[in-house]
Protein backbone atom coordinates (compact mmCIF):
# COMPACT_ATOMS: atom_id res chain seq x y z
CA UNK A 1 7.24 7.12 23.67
CA UNK A 2 9.33 5.00 26.25
CA UNK A 3 12.56 4.00 24.51
CA UNK A 4 13.76 1.70 27.48
CA UNK A 5 12.43 -1.36 25.63
CA UNK A 6 14.30 -0.64 22.42
CA UNK A 7 18.03 -0.94 21.20
CA UNK A 8 19.92 1.00 18.75
CA UNK A 9 21.08 -1.01 15.77
CA UNK A 10 24.54 -1.32 17.19
CA UNK A 11 23.07 -2.68 20.44
CA UNK A 12 20.82 -5.12 18.70
CA UNK A 13 23.33 -6.33 16.76
CA UNK A 14 25.66 -7.04 19.79
CA UNK A 15 22.68 -8.73 21.54
CA UNK A 16 22.27 -11.02 18.71
CA UNK A 17 25.96 -11.61 18.28
CA UNK A 18 26.25 -10.58 14.48
CA UNK A 19 27.43 -7.67 12.58
CA UNK A 20 25.56 -4.62 12.34
CA UNK A 21 25.05 -5.05 8.26
CA UNK A 22 23.70 -8.73 9.04
CA UNK A 23 21.03 -7.02 11.16
CA UNK A 24 19.81 -4.82 8.24
CA UNK A 25 20.16 -7.84 5.77
CA UNK A 26 17.90 -9.96 8.14
CA UNK A 27 15.31 -6.95 8.28
CA UNK A 28 15.37 -6.68 4.75
CA UNK A 29 15.21 -10.24 3.64
CA UNK A 30 13.63 -12.34 6.54
CA UNK A 31 9.83 -11.77 6.75
CA UNK A 32 10.00 -13.51 10.48
CA UNK A 33 12.56 -11.00 11.63
CA UNK A 34 11.48 -8.04 13.71
CA UNK A 35 10.99 -4.53 12.09
CA UNK A 36 12.62 -1.58 13.73
CA UNK A 37 10.82 1.55 14.80
CA UNK A 38 12.22 4.66 13.08
CA UNK A 39 12.67 7.74 15.19
CA UNK A 40 13.79 10.23 12.66
CA UNK A 41 16.81 8.45 10.84
CA UNK A 42 17.47 6.29 13.82
CA UNK A 43 16.14 2.66 13.75
CA UNK A 44 15.25 1.27 17.14
CA UNK A 45 14.63 -2.51 17.64
CA UNK A 46 12.28 -4.02 20.21
CA UNK A 47 14.16 -6.04 22.72
CA UNK A 48 11.44 -8.56 23.45
CA UNK A 49 10.90 -9.33 19.65
CA UNK A 50 14.65 -9.59 19.15
CA UNK A 51 14.96 -12.12 21.93
CA UNK A 52 11.86 -14.19 20.86
CA UNK A 53 13.52 -14.32 17.38
CA UNK A 54 16.56 -15.41 18.84
CA UNK A 55 15.07 -18.16 20.55
CA UNK A 56 13.34 -19.36 17.71
CA UNK A 57 16.70 -19.04 15.51
CA UNK A 58 19.75 -20.21 17.62
CA UNK A 59 23.02 -18.91 16.94
CA UNK A 60 25.15 -21.20 14.44
CA UNK A 61 28.38 -22.46 15.78
CA UNK A 62 31.50 -21.93 13.56
CA UNK A 63 34.28 -24.10 13.52
CA UNK A 64 34.77 -27.82 12.97
CA UNK A 65 33.32 -30.57 15.28
CA UNK A 66 35.64 -32.32 17.45
CA UNK A 67 36.48 -35.84 16.89
């Protein structure tokens, strides 16, 4: 299996700009979120599917709007 198209949980969370726990929460609660592939106890996330999900769900901006 070629693993170059996959990210570890830490890398996937960084790519999406979220915490690692948020990554797992999304995987457990959002049916639209990509599912990881398990290699032993390690979760590997498909890069193309993560990028496609991010495109459909743009990052929220925090803070107050400027007047």
